[in-house]
Amino acid sequence: MGQYLDGRVSLVVGTHTHVPTADARVLPLGTAFQCDLGMCGDYDSVIGMKKQAAIDRFVQIQPADRLSPAEGEATMCGVLAELDGRTGLAKRISPVRLGGLLPDTWPPDN
């Protein structure tokens, strides 16, 4: 999708693998892109849910206890994109991660 929309939109980001990718970049025609932002939630979990209930559902191959949100320290994942005010296209894109188990990442100052 990013390649298809390159130069026509400011930003294309993916989600739902729940794992932040390390491929943030500006495509050749000026669209900022990252395959997956990651999730916002407890990374000591199974896609944000309490681990044991998710494991039981998988191992038993039948519904087990209802999944409920994990309650550990959350991580916020996303990106920060700098756009050209004249063209609307991207100048740069940087991943952002704060808190929780993953190392913090913040865009460089330059």
PDB file of N, CA and C in Angstrom:
ATOM      1  N   MET A   1       0.837  -1.195   0.000  1.00  0.00           N
ATOM      2  CA  MET A   1       0.000   0.000   0.000  1.00  0.00           C
ATOM      3  C   MET A   1       0.879   1.255   0.000  1.00  0.00           C
ATOM      4  N   GLY A   2       1.961   1.222   0.785  1.00  0.00           N
ATOM      5  CA  GLY A   2       2.863   2.369   0.818  1.00  0.00           C
ATOM      6  C   GLY A   2       3.457   2.658  -0.544  1.00  0.00           C
ATOM      7  N   GLN A   3       3.905   1.634  -1.227  1.00  0.00           N
ATOM      8  CA  GLN A   3       4.492   1.816  -2.559  1.00  0.00           C
ATOM      9  C   GLN A   3       3.448   2.348  -3.543  1.00  0.00           C
ATOM     10  N   TYR A   4       2.239   1.839  -3.455  1.00  0.00           N
ATOM     11  CA  TYR A   4       1.161   2.268  -4.348  1.00  0.00           C
ATOM     12  C   TYR A   4       0.815   3.750  -4.122  1.00  0.00           C
ATOM     13  N   LEU A   5       0.796   4.181  -2.879  1.00  0.00           N
ATOM     14  CA  LEU A   5       0.400   5.556  -2.552  1.00  0.00           C
ATOM     15  C   LEU A   5       1.563   6.539  -2.486  1.00  0.00           C
ATOM     16  N   ASP A   6       2.786   6.058  -2.691  1.00  0.00           N
ATOM     17  CA  ASP A   6       3.965   6.919  -2.594  1.00  0.00           C
ATOM     18  C   ASP A   6       3.812   8.169  -3.452  1.00  0.00           C
ATOM     19  N   GLY A   7       3.991   9.325  -2.825  1.00  0.00           N
ATOM     20  CA  GLY A   7       3.886  10.610  -3.509  1.00  0.00           C
ATOM     21  C   GLY A   7       2.484  11.176  -3.542  1.00  0.00           C
ATOM     22  N   ARG A   8       1.495  10.384  -3.150  1.00  0.00           N
ATOM     23  CA  ARG A   8       0.100  10.847  -3.169  1.00  0.00           C
ATOM     24  C   ARG A   8      -0.454  11.114  -1.773  1.00  0.00           C
ATOM     25  N   VAL A   9       0.199  10.549  -0.751  1.00  0.00           N
ATOM     26  CA  VAL A   9      -0.231  10.749   0.642  1.00  0.00           C
ATOM     27  C   VAL A   9       0.981  11.053   1.498  1.00  0.00           C
ATOM     28  N   SER A  10       0.739  11.639   2.647  1.00  0.00           N
ATOM     29  CA  SER A  10       1.822  12.006   3.563  1.00  0.00           C
ATOM     30  C   SER A  10       2.420  10.809   4.283  1.00  0.00           C
ATOM     31  N   LEU A  11       1.569   9.884   4.697  1.00  0.00           N
ATOM     32  CA  LEU A  11       2.001   8.841   5.620  1.00  0.00           C
ATOM     33  C   LEU A  11       1.177   7.577   5.410  1.00  0.00           C
ATOM     34  N   VAL A  12       1.851   6.428   5.407  1.00  0.00           N
ATOM     35  CA  VAL A  12       1.185   5.121   5.422  1.00  0.00           C
ATOM     36  C   VAL A  12       1.852   4.301   6.516  1.00  0.00           C
ATOM     37  N   VAL A  13       1.051   3.856   7.493  1.00  0.00           N
ATOM     38  CA  VAL A  13       1.570   3.002   8.546  1.00  0.00           C
ATOM     39  C   VAL A  13       0.646   1.798   8.703  1.00  0.00           C
ATOM     40  N   GLY A  14       1.244   0.680   9.036  1.00  0.00           N
ATOM     41  CA  GLY A  14       0.475  -0.531   9.256  1.00  0.00           C
ATOM     42  C   GLY A  14       0.349  -0.814  10.738  1.00  0.00           C
ATOM     43  N   THR A  15      -0.529  -1.754  11.034  1.00  0.00           N
ATOM     44  CA  THR A  15      -0.726  -2.185  12.405  1.00  0.00           C
ATOM     45  C   THR A  15      -1.296  -3.590  12.406  1.00  0.00           C
ATOM     46  N   HIS A  16      -1.351  -4.150  13.509  1.00  0.00           N
ATOM     47  CA  HIS A  16      -2.038  -5.391  13.851  1.00  0.00           C
ATOM     48  C   HIS A  16      -1.180  -6.638  13.877  1.00  0.00           C
ATOM     49  N   THR A  17       0.121  -6.542  13.659  1.00  0.00           N
ATOM     50  CA  THR A  17       0.954  -7.670  14.052  1.00  0.00           C
ATOM     51  C   THR A  17       1.340  -7.480  15.510  1.00  0.00           C
ATOM     52  N   HIS A  18       1.118  -6.280  16.028  1.00  0.00           N
ATOM     53  CA  HIS A  18       1.397  -5.912  17.419  1.00  0.00           C
ATOM     54  C   HIS A  18       2.887  -5.839  17.723  1.00  0.00           C
ATOM     55  N   VAL A  19       3.721  -5.907  16.709  1.00  0.00           N
ATOM     56  CA  VAL A  19       5.164  -5.870  16.895  1.00  0.00           C
ATOM     57  C   VAL A  19       5.720  -4.708  16.080  1.00  0.00           C
ATOM     58  N   PRO A  20       6.359  -3.718  16.711  1.00  0.00           N
ATOM     59  CA  PRO A  20       6.867  -2.598  15.939  1.00  0.00           C
ATOM     60  C   PRO A  20       7.990  -3.031  14.992  1.00  0.00           C
ATOM     61  N   THR A  21       7.900  -2.601  13.752  1.00  0.00           N
ATOM     62  CA  THR A  21       8.951  -2.912  12.792  1.00  0.00           C
ATOM     63  C   THR A  21      10.009  -1.820  12.805  1.00  0.00           C
ATOM     64  N   ALA A  22      11.178  -2.136  12.290  1.00  0.00           N
ATOM     65  CA  ALA A  22      12.303  -1.203  12.277  1.00  0.00           C
ATOM     66  C   ALA A  22      12.534  -0.703  10.861  1.00  0.00           C
ATOM     67  N   ASP A  23      11.449  -0.438  10.129  1.00  0.00           N
ATOM     68  CA  ASP A  23      11.590  -0.062   8.718  1.00  0.00           C
ATOM     69  C   ASP A  23      11.009   1.319   8.410  1.00  0.00           C
ATOM     70  N   ALA A  24      10.961   2.214   9.409  1.00  0.00           N
ATOM     71  CA  ALA A  24      10.466   3.572   9.173  1.00  0.00           C
ATOM     72  C   ALA A  24      11.371   4.259   8.158  1.00  0.00           C
ATOM     73  N   ARG A  25      10.765   4.802   7.110  1.00  0.00           N
ATOM     74  CA  ARG A  25      11.550   5.490   6.070  1.00  0.00           C
ATOM     75  C   ARG A  25      10.629   6.366   5.247  1.00  0.00           C
ATOM     76  N   VAL A  26      11.236   7.289   4.525  1.00  0.00           N
ATOM     77  CA  VAL A  26      10.498   8.095   3.550  1.00  0.00           C
ATOM     78  C   VAL A  26      10.738   7.443   2.197  1.00  0.00           C
ATOM     79  N   LEU A  27       9.663   7.076   1.535  1.00  0.00           N
ATOM     80  CA  LEU A  27       9.747   6.430   0.229  1.00  0.00           C
ATOM     81  C   LEU A  27      10.216   7.436  -0.827  1.00  0.00           C
ATOM     82  N   PRO A  28      10.653   6.971  -1.992  1.00  0.00           N
ATOM     83  CA  PRO A  28      11.271   7.858  -2.987  1.00  0.00           C
ATOM     84  C   PRO A  28      10.447   9.077  -3.415  1.00  0.00           C
ATOM     85  N   LEU A  29       9.115   8.966  -3.439  1.00  0.00           N
ATOM     86  CA  LEU A  29       8.293  10.100  -3.878  1.00  0.00           C
ATOM     87  C   LEU A  29       7.746  10.932  -2.726  1.00  0.00           C
ATOM     88  N   GLY A  30       8.162  10.617  -1.473  1.00  0.00           N
ATOM     89  CA  GLY A  30       7.844  11.503  -0.358  1.00  0.00           C
ATOM     90  C   GLY A  30       6.807  11.032   0.638  1.00  0.00           C
ATOM     91  N   THR A  31       6.416   9.780   0.605  1.00  0.00           N
ATOM     92  CA  THR A  31       5.466   9.260   1.590  1.00  0.00           C
ATOM     93  C   THR A  31       6.233   8.595   2.724  1.00  0.00           C
ATOM     94  N   ALA A  32       5.942   9.001   3.965  1.00  0.00           N
ATOM     95  CA  ALA A  32       6.524   8.353   5.136  1.00  0.00           C
ATOM     96  C   ALA A  32       5.837   7.004   5.314  1.00  0.00           C
ATOM     97  N   PHE A  33       6.623   5.973   5.695  1.00  0.00           N
ATOM     98  CA  PHE A  33       6.105   4.606   5.734  1.00  0.00           C
ATOM     99  C   PHE A  33       6.715   3.825   6.895  1.00  0.00           C
ATOM    100  N   GLN A  34       5.890   3.017   7.540  1.00  0.00           N
ATOM    101  CA  GLN A  34       6.363   2.000   8.482  1.00  0.00           C
ATOM    102  C   GLN A  34       5.366   0.856   8.438  1.00  0.00           C
ATOM    103  N   CYS A  35       5.886  -0.383   8.281  1.00  0.00           N
ATOM    104  CA  CYS A  35       5.013  -1.565   8.160  1.00  0.00           C
ATOM    105  C   CYS A  35       4.090  -1.736   9.352  1.00  0.00           C
ATOM    106  N   ASP A  36       4.613  -1.599  10.563  1.00  0.00           N
ATOM    107  CA  ASP A  36       3.785  -1.792  11.743  1.00  0.00           C
ATOM    108  C   ASP A  36       4.270  -0.904  12.881  1.00  0.00           C
ATOM    109  N   LEU A  37       3.347  -0.121  13.421  1.00  0.00           N
ATOM    110  CA  LEU A  37       3.665   0.772  14.532  1.00  0.00           C
ATOM    111  C   LEU A  37       3.909   0.022  15.827  1.00  0.00           C
ATOM    112  N   GLY A  38       3.353  -1.163  15.949  1.00  0.00           N
ATOM    113  CA  GLY A  38       3.348  -1.874  17.217  1.00  0.00           C
ATOM    114  C   GLY A  38       2.043  -1.591  17.924  1.00  0.00           C
ATOM    115  N   MET A  39       1.954  -2.002  19.167  1.00  0.00           N
ATOM    116  CA  MET A  39       0.709  -1.787  19.910  1.00  0.00           C
ATOM    117  C   MET A  39       0.968  -0.855  21.090  1.00  0.00           C
ATOM    118  N   CYS A  40      -0.095  -0.401  21.658  1.00  0.00           N
ATOM    119  CA  CYS A  40      -0.015   0.333  22.915  1.00  0.00           C
ATOM    120  C   CYS A  40      -0.618  -0.581  23.971  1.00  0.00           C
ATOM    121  N   GLY A  41       0.187  -1.009  24.913  1.00  0.00           N
ATOM    122  CA  GLY A  41      -0.304  -1.910  25.952  1.00  0.00           C
ATOM    123  C   GLY A  41       0.843  -2.630  26.614  1.00  0.00           C
ATOM    124  N   ASP A  42       0.503  -3.648  27.377  1.00  0.00           N
ATOM    125  CA  ASP A  42       1.476  -4.433  28.133  1.00  0.00           C
ATOM    126  C   ASP A  42       2.142  -5.442  27.198  1.00  0.00           C
ATOM    127  N   TYR A  43       3.444  -5.293  26.956  1.00  0.00           N
ATOM    128  CA  TYR A  43       4.165  -6.214  26.084  1.00  0.00           C
ATOM    129  C   TYR A  43       4.512  -7.517  26.800  1.00  0.00           C
ATOM    130  N   ASP A  44       4.310  -7.611  28.106  1.00  0.00           N
ATOM    131  CA  ASP A  44       4.477  -8.871  28.823  1.00  0.00           C
ATOM    132  C   ASP A  44       3.115  -9.562  28.836  1.00  0.00           C
ATOM    133  N   SER A  45       2.625  -9.875  27.628  1.00  0.00           N
ATOM    134  CA  SER A  45       1.272 -10.372  27.452  1.00  0.00           C
ATOM    135  C   SER A  45       1.200 -11.129  26.127  1.00  0.00           C
ATOM    136  N   VAL A  46       0.022 -11.567  25.786  1.00  0.00           N
ATOM    137  CA  VAL A  46      -0.241 -12.119  24.454  1.00  0.00           C
ATOM    138  C   VAL A  46      -1.171 -11.124  23.773  1.00  0.00           C
ATOM    139  N   ILE A  47      -0.624 -10.359  22.849  1.00  0.00           N
ATOM    140  CA  ILE A  47      -1.296  -9.246  22.161  1.00  0.00           C
ATOM    141  C   ILE A  47      -2.157  -8.401  23.108  1.00  0.00           C
ATOM    142  N   GLY A  48      -1.600  -8.105  24.278  1.00  0.00           N
ATOM    143  CA  GLY A  48      -2.259  -7.222  25.232  1.00  0.00           C
ATOM    144  C   GLY A  48      -3.182  -7.917  26.213  1.00  0.00           C
ATOM    145  N   MET A  49      -3.325  -9.234  26.093  1.00  0.00           N
ATOM    146  CA  MET A  49      -4.216  -9.986  26.984  1.00  0.00           C
ATOM    147  C   MET A  49      -3.396 -10.779  27.999  1.00  0.00           C
ATOM    148  N   LYS A  50      -4.031 -11.139  29.110  1.00  0.00           N
ATOM    149  CA  LYS A  50      -3.351 -11.956  30.118  1.00  0.00           C
ATOM    150  C   LYS A  50      -2.849 -13.229  29.454  1.00  0.00           C
ATOM    151  N   LYS A  51      -1.594 -13.567  29.738  1.00  0.00           N
ATOM    152  CA  LYS A  51      -0.915 -14.668  29.049  1.00  0.00           C
ATOM    153  C   LYS A  51      -1.581 -16.022  29.251  1.00  0.00           C
ATOM    154  N   GLN A  52      -1.908 -16.386  30.467  1.00  0.00           N
ATOM    155  CA  GLN A  52      -2.348 -17.756  30.730  1.00  0.00           C
ATOM    156  C   GLN A  52      -3.645 -18.097  30.002  1.00  0.00           C
ATOM    157  N   ALA A  53      -4.615 -17.195  29.980  1.00  0.00           N
ATOM    158  CA  ALA A  53      -5.877 -17.477  29.287  1.00  0.00           C
ATOM    159  C   ALA A  53      -5.630 -17.684  27.793  1.00  0.00           C
ATOM    160  N   ALA A  54      -4.748 -16.878  27.193  1.00  0.00           N
ATOM    161  CA  ALA A  54      -4.449 -17.028  25.768  1.00  0.00           C
ATOM    162  C   ALA A  54      -3.725 -18.347  25.507  1.00  0.00           C
ATOM    163  N   ILE A  55      -2.795 -18.713  26.383  1.00  0.00           N
ATOM    164  CA  ILE A  55      -2.083 -19.990  26.233  1.00  0.00           C
ATOM    165  C   ILE A  55      -3.060 -21.153  26.378  1.00  0.00           C
ATOM    166  N   ASP A  56      -3.935 -21.100  27.369  1.00  0.00           N
ATOM    167  CA  ASP A  56      -4.915 -22.173  27.567  1.00  0.00           C
ATOM    168  C   ASP A  56      -5.812 -22.340  26.344  1.00  0.00           C
ATOM    169  N   ARG A  57      -6.247 -21.250  25.757  1.00  0.00           N
ATOM    170  CA  ARG A  57      -7.105 -21.328  24.562  1.00  0.00           C
ATOM    171  C   ARG A  57      -6.367 -22.008  23.423  1.00  0.00           C
ATOM    172  N   PHE A  58      -5.080 -21.733  23.281  1.00  0.00           N
ATOM    173  CA  PHE A  58      -4.284 -22.333  22.211  1.00  0.00           C
ATOM    174  C   PHE A  58      -4.030 -23.813  22.475  1.00  0.00           C
ATOM    175  N   VAL A  59      -3.605 -24.146  23.672  1.00  0.00           N
ATOM    176  CA  VAL A  59      -3.245 -25.521  24.009  1.00  0.00           C
ATOM    177  C   VAL A  59      -4.471 -26.435  24.013  1.00  0.00           C
ATOM    178  N   GLN A  60      -5.579 -25.957  24.513  1.00  0.00           N
ATOM    179  CA  GLN A  60      -6.788 -26.779  24.611  1.00  0.00           C
ATOM    180  C   GLN A  60      -7.555 -26.853  23.292  1.00  0.00           C
ATOM    181  N   ILE A  61      -7.226 -25.976  22.353  1.00  0.00           N
ATOM    182  CA  ILE A  61      -7.898 -25.895  21.046  1.00  0.00           C
ATOM    183  C   ILE A  61      -9.417 -25.812  21.204  1.00  0.00           C
ATOM    184  N   GLN A  62      -9.837 -25.126  22.207  1.00  0.00           N
ATOM    185  CA  GLN A  62     -11.255 -24.858  22.417  1.00  0.00           C
ATOM    186  C   GLN A  62     -11.365 -23.642  23.321  1.00  0.00           C
ATOM    187  N   PRO A  63     -12.493 -22.996  23.303  1.00  0.00           N
ATOM    188  CA  PRO A  63     -12.619 -21.826  24.169  1.00  0.00           C
ATOM    189  C   PRO A  63     -12.344 -22.165  25.628  1.00  0.00           C
ATOM    190  N   ALA A  64     -11.570 -21.336  26.245  1.00  0.00           N
ATOM    191  CA  ALA A  64     -11.279 -21.469  27.676  1.00  0.00           C
ATOM    192  C   ALA A  64     -11.805 -20.209  28.347  1.00  0.00           C
ATOM    193  N   ASP A  65     -11.122 -19.759  29.374  1.00  0.00           N
ATOM    194  CA  ASP A  65     -11.548 -18.518  30.027  1.00  0.00           C
ATOM    195  C   ASP A  65     -11.555 -17.376  29.031  1.00  0.00           C
ATOM    196  N   ARG A  66     -12.422 -16.452  29.271  1.00  0.00           N
ATOM    197  CA  ARG A  66     -12.501 -15.254  28.430  1.00  0.00           C
ATOM    198  C   ARG A  66     -11.187 -14.476  28.536  1.00  0.00           C
ATOM    199  N   LEU A  67     -10.718 -13.971  27.412  1.00  0.00           N
ATOM    200  CA  LEU A  67      -9.500 -13.149  27.427  1.00  0.00           C
ATOM    201  C   LEU A  67      -9.784 -11.834  28.133  1.00  0.00           C
ATOM    202  N   SER A  68      -8.839 -11.393  28.927  1.00  0.00           N
ATOM    203  CA  SER A  68      -8.984 -10.098  29.590  1.00  0.00           C
ATOM    204  C   SER A  68      -7.654  -9.364  29.494  1.00  0.00           C
ATOM    205  N   PRO A  69      -7.704  -8.042  29.508  1.00  0.00           N
ATOM    206  CA  PRO A  69      -6.487  -7.248  29.318  1.00  0.00           C
ATOM    207  C   PRO A  69      -5.426  -7.523  30.377  1.00  0.00           C
ATOM    208  N   ALA A  70      -4.174  -7.562  29.934  1.00  0.00           N
ATOM    209  CA  ALA A  70      -3.050  -7.658  30.859  1.00  0.00           C
ATOM    210  C   ALA A  70      -2.960  -6.353  31.642  1.00  0.00           C
ATOM    211  N   GLU A  71      -2.420  -6.432  32.818  1.00  0.00           N
ATOM    212  CA  GLU A  71      -2.423  -5.271  33.705  1.00  0.00           C
ATOM    213  C   GLU A  71      -1.035  -4.754  34.040  1.00  0.00           C
ATOM    214  N   GLY A  72      -0.009  -5.176  33.292  1.00  0.00           N
ATOM    215  CA  GLY A  72       1.339  -4.704  33.554  1.00  0.00           C
ATOM    216  C   GLY A  72       1.574  -3.323  32.968  1.00  0.00           C
ATOM    217  N   GLU A  73       2.813  -2.872  33.115  1.00  0.00           N
ATOM    218  CA  GLU A  73       3.174  -1.548  32.614  1.00  0.00           C
ATOM    219  C   GLU A  73       3.014  -1.489  31.092  1.00  0.00           C
ATOM    220  N   ALA A  74       2.381  -0.467  30.612  1.00  0.00           N
ATOM    221  CA  ALA A  74       2.109  -0.324  29.181  1.00  0.00           C
ATOM    222  C   ALA A  74       3.275   0.328  28.445  1.00  0.00           C
ATOM    223  N   THR A  75       3.368   0.005  27.189  1.00  0.00           N
ATOM    224  CA  THR A  75       4.276   0.651  26.256  1.00  0.00           C
ATOM    225  C   THR A  75       3.420   1.385  25.231  1.00  0.00           C
ATOM    226  N   MET A  76       3.785   2.598  24.894  1.00  0.00           N
ATOM    227  CA  MET A  76       3.104   3.325  23.826  1.00  0.00           C
ATOM    228  C   MET A  76       4.006   3.279  22.598  1.00  0.00           C
ATOM    229  N   CYS A  77       3.466   2.827  21.474  1.00  0.00           N
ATOM    230  CA  CYS A  77       4.227   2.763  20.228  1.00  0.00           C
ATOM    231  C   CYS A  77       3.559   3.642  19.180  1.00  0.00           C
ATOM    232  N   GLY A  78       4.378   4.255  18.337  1.00  0.00           N
ATOM    233  CA  GLY A  78       3.860   5.075  17.249  1.00  0.00           C
ATOM    234  C   GLY A  78       4.997   5.616  16.407  1.00  0.00           C
ATOM    235  N   VAL A  79       4.713   6.636  15.643  1.00  0.00           N
ATOM    236  CA  VAL A  79       5.728   7.322  14.847  1.00  0.00           C
ATOM    237  C   VAL A  79       5.511   8.823  14.937  1.00  0.00           C
ATOM    238  N   LEU A  80       6.565   9.553  14.642  1.00  0.00           N
ATOM    239  CA  LEU A  80       6.490  10.994  14.509  1.00  0.00           C
ATOM    240  C   LEU A  80       6.981  11.311  13.103  1.00  0.00           C
ATOM    241  N   ALA A  81       6.137  11.944  12.319  1.00  0.00           N
ATOM    242  CA  ALA A  81       6.504  12.291  10.947  1.00  0.00           C
ATOM    243  C   ALA A  81       6.565  13.809  10.817  1.00  0.00           C
ATOM    244  N   GLU A  82       7.615  14.289  10.190  1.00  0.00           N
ATOM    245  CA  GLU A  82       7.741  15.714   9.886  1.00  0.00           C
ATOM    246  C   GLU A  82       7.342  15.892   8.424  1.00  0.00           C
ATOM    247  N   LEU A  83       6.367  16.779   8.173  1.00  0.00           N
ATOM    248  CA  LEU A  83       5.830  16.989   6.839  1.00  0.00           C
ATOM    249  C   LEU A  83       6.220  18.345   6.296  1.00  0.00           C
ATOM    250  N   ASP A  84       6.315  18.439   4.996  1.00  0.00           N
ATOM    251  CA  ASP A  84       6.567  19.698   4.304  1.00  0.00           C
ATOM    252  C   ASP A  84       5.240  20.446   4.219  1.00  0.00           C
ATOM    253  N   GLY A  85       5.173  21.639   4.800  1.00  0.00           N
ATOM    254  CA  GLY A  85       3.942  22.421   4.812  1.00  0.00           C
ATOM    255  C   GLY A  85       3.459  22.830   3.433  1.00  0.00           C
ATOM    256  N   ARG A  86       4.350  22.887   2.479  1.00  0.00           N
ATOM    257  CA  ARG A  86       3.983  23.290   1.125  1.00  0.00           C
ATOM    258  C   ARG A  86       3.428  22.116   0.313  1.00  0.00           C
ATOM    259  N   THR A  87       4.107  20.974   0.363  1.00  0.00           N
ATOM    260  CA  THR A  87       3.700  19.831  -0.466  1.00  0.00           C
ATOM    261  C   THR A  87       2.851  18.822   0.276  1.00  0.00           C
ATOM    262  N   GLY A  88       2.936  18.810   1.606  1.00  0.00           N
ATOM    263  CA  GLY A  88       2.230  17.807   2.396  1.00  0.00           C
ATOM    264  C   GLY A  88       2.953  16.476   2.455  1.00  0.00           C
ATOM    265  N   LEU A  89       4.077  16.358   1.772  1.00  0.00           N
ATOM    266  CA  LEU A  89       4.836  15.116   1.773  1.00  0.00           C
ATOM    267  C   LEU A  89       5.815  15.095   2.938  1.00  0.00           C
ATOM    268  N   ALA A  90       6.355  13.930   3.198  1.00  0.00           N
ATOM    269  CA  ALA A  90       7.186  13.730   4.389  1.00  0.00           C
ATOM    270  C   ALA A  90       8.620  14.182   4.184  1.00  0.00           C
ATOM    271  N   LYS A  91       9.157  14.797   5.217  1.00  0.00           N
ATOM    272  CA  LYS A  91      10.587  15.104   5.256  1.00  0.00           C
ATOM    273  C   LYS A  91      11.323  13.995   5.990  1.00  0.00           C
ATOM    274  N   ARG A  92      10.701  13.467   7.078  1.00  0.00           N
ATOM    275  CA  ARG A  92      11.303  12.371   7.824  1.00  0.00           C
ATOM    276  C   ARG A  92      10.236  11.680   8.659  1.00  0.00           C
ATOM    277  N   ILE A  93      10.570  10.473   9.099  1.00  0.00           N
ATOM    278  CA  ILE A  93       9.705   9.682   9.975  1.00  0.00           C
ATOM    279  C   ILE A  93      10.609   8.991  10.999  1.00  0.00           C
ATOM    280  N   SER A  94      10.160   8.946  12.225  1.00  0.00           N
ATOM    281  CA  SER A  94      10.926   8.302  13.290  1.00  0.00           C
ATOM    282  C   SER A  94       9.984   7.507  14.185  1.00  0.00           C
ATOM    283  N   PRO A  95      10.403   6.301  14.587  1.00  0.00           N
ATOM    284  CA  PRO A  95       9.586   5.538  15.535  1.00  0.00           C
ATOM    285  C   PRO A  95       9.615   6.175  16.916  1.00  0.00           C
ATOM    286  N   VAL A  96       8.544   5.960  17.659  1.00  0.00           N
ATOM    287  CA  VAL A  96       8.431   6.428  19.037  1.00  0.00           C
ATOM    288  C   VAL A  96       7.959   5.254  19.885  1.00  0.00           C
ATOM    289  N   ARG A  97       8.682   4.966  20.967  1.00  0.00           N
ATOM    290  CA  ARG A  97       8.278   3.954  21.939  1.00  0.00           C
ATOM    291  C   ARG A  97       8.590   4.490  23.324  1.00  0.00           C
ATOM    292  N   LEU A  98       7.622   4.416  24.211  1.00  0.00           N
ATOM    293  CA  LEU A  98       7.817   4.920  25.573  1.00  0.00           C
ATOM    294  C   LEU A  98       7.219   3.956  26.586  1.00  0.00           C
ATOM    295  N   GLY A  99       7.971   3.652  27.636  1.00  0.00           N
ATOM    296  CA  GLY A  99       7.478   2.869  28.758  1.00  0.00           C
ATOM    297  C   GLY A  99       7.508   1.372  28.533  1.00  0.00           C
ATOM    298  N   GLY A 100       7.273   0.640  29.585  1.00  0.00           N
ATOM    299  CA  GLY A 100       7.145  -0.806  29.504  1.00  0.00           C
ATOM    300  C   GLY A 100       8.452  -1.543  29.280  1.00  0.00           C
ATOM    301  N   LEU A 101       8.363  -2.702  28.626  1.00  0.00           N
ATOM    302  CA  LEU A 101       9.504  -3.599  28.459  1.00  0.00           C
ATOM    303  C   LEU A 101      10.430  -3.237  27.308  1.00  0.00           C
ATOM    304  N   LEU A 102       9.917  -2.639  26.255  1.00  0.00           N
ATOM    305  CA  LEU A 102      10.746  -2.321  25.094  1.00  0.00           C
ATOM    306  C   LEU A 102      11.595  -1.091  25.384  1.00  0.00           C
ATOM    307  N   PRO A 103      12.767  -1.002  24.777  1.00  0.00           N
ATOM    308  CA  PRO A 103      13.591   0.194  25.019  1.00  0.00           C
ATOM    309  C   PRO A 103      12.917   1.445  24.446  1.00  0.00           C
ATOM    310  N   ASP A 104      13.026   2.540  25.180  1.00  0.00           N
ATOM    311  CA  ASP A 104      12.459   3.803  24.706  1.00  0.00           C
ATOM    312  C   ASP A 104      13.171   4.247  23.431  1.00  0.00           C
ATOM    313  N   THR A 105      12.406   4.796  22.525  1.00  0.00           N
ATOM    314  CA  THR A 105      12.935   5.350  21.283  1.00  0.00           C
ATOM    315  C   THR A 105      12.253   6.686  21.055  1.00  0.00           C
ATOM    316  N   TRP A 106      13.052   7.688  20.766  1.00  0.00           N
ATOM    317  CA  TRP A 106      12.519   9.022  20.499  1.00  0.00           C
ATOM    318  C   TRP A 106      13.272   9.583  19.314  1.00  0.00           C
ATOM    319  N   PRO A 107      12.617  10.359  18.444  1.00  0.00           N
ATOM    320  CA  PRO A 107      13.297  10.906  17.257  1.00  0.00           C
ATOM    321  C   PRO A 107      14.522  11.736  17.620  1.00  0.00           C
ATOM    322  N   PRO A 108      15.557  11.685  16.787  1.00  0.00           N
ATOM    323  CA  PRO A 108      16.724  12.535  17.012  1.00  0.00           C
ATOM    324  C   PRO A 108      16.361  14.005  16.866  1.00  0.00           C
ATOM    325  N   ASP A 109      17.163  14.872  17.470  1.00  0.00           N
ATOM    326  CA  ASP A 109      16.888  16.308  17.425  1.00  0.00           C
ATOM    327  C   ASP A 109      17.108  16.937  16.055  1.00  0.00           C
ATOM    328  N   ASN A 110      17.952  16.354  15.228  1.00  0.00           N
ATOM    329  CA  ASN A 110      18.240  16.991  13.943  1.00  0.00           C
ATOM    330  C   ASN A 110      17.343  16.512  12.846  1.00  0.00           C
TER     331      ASN A 110
END
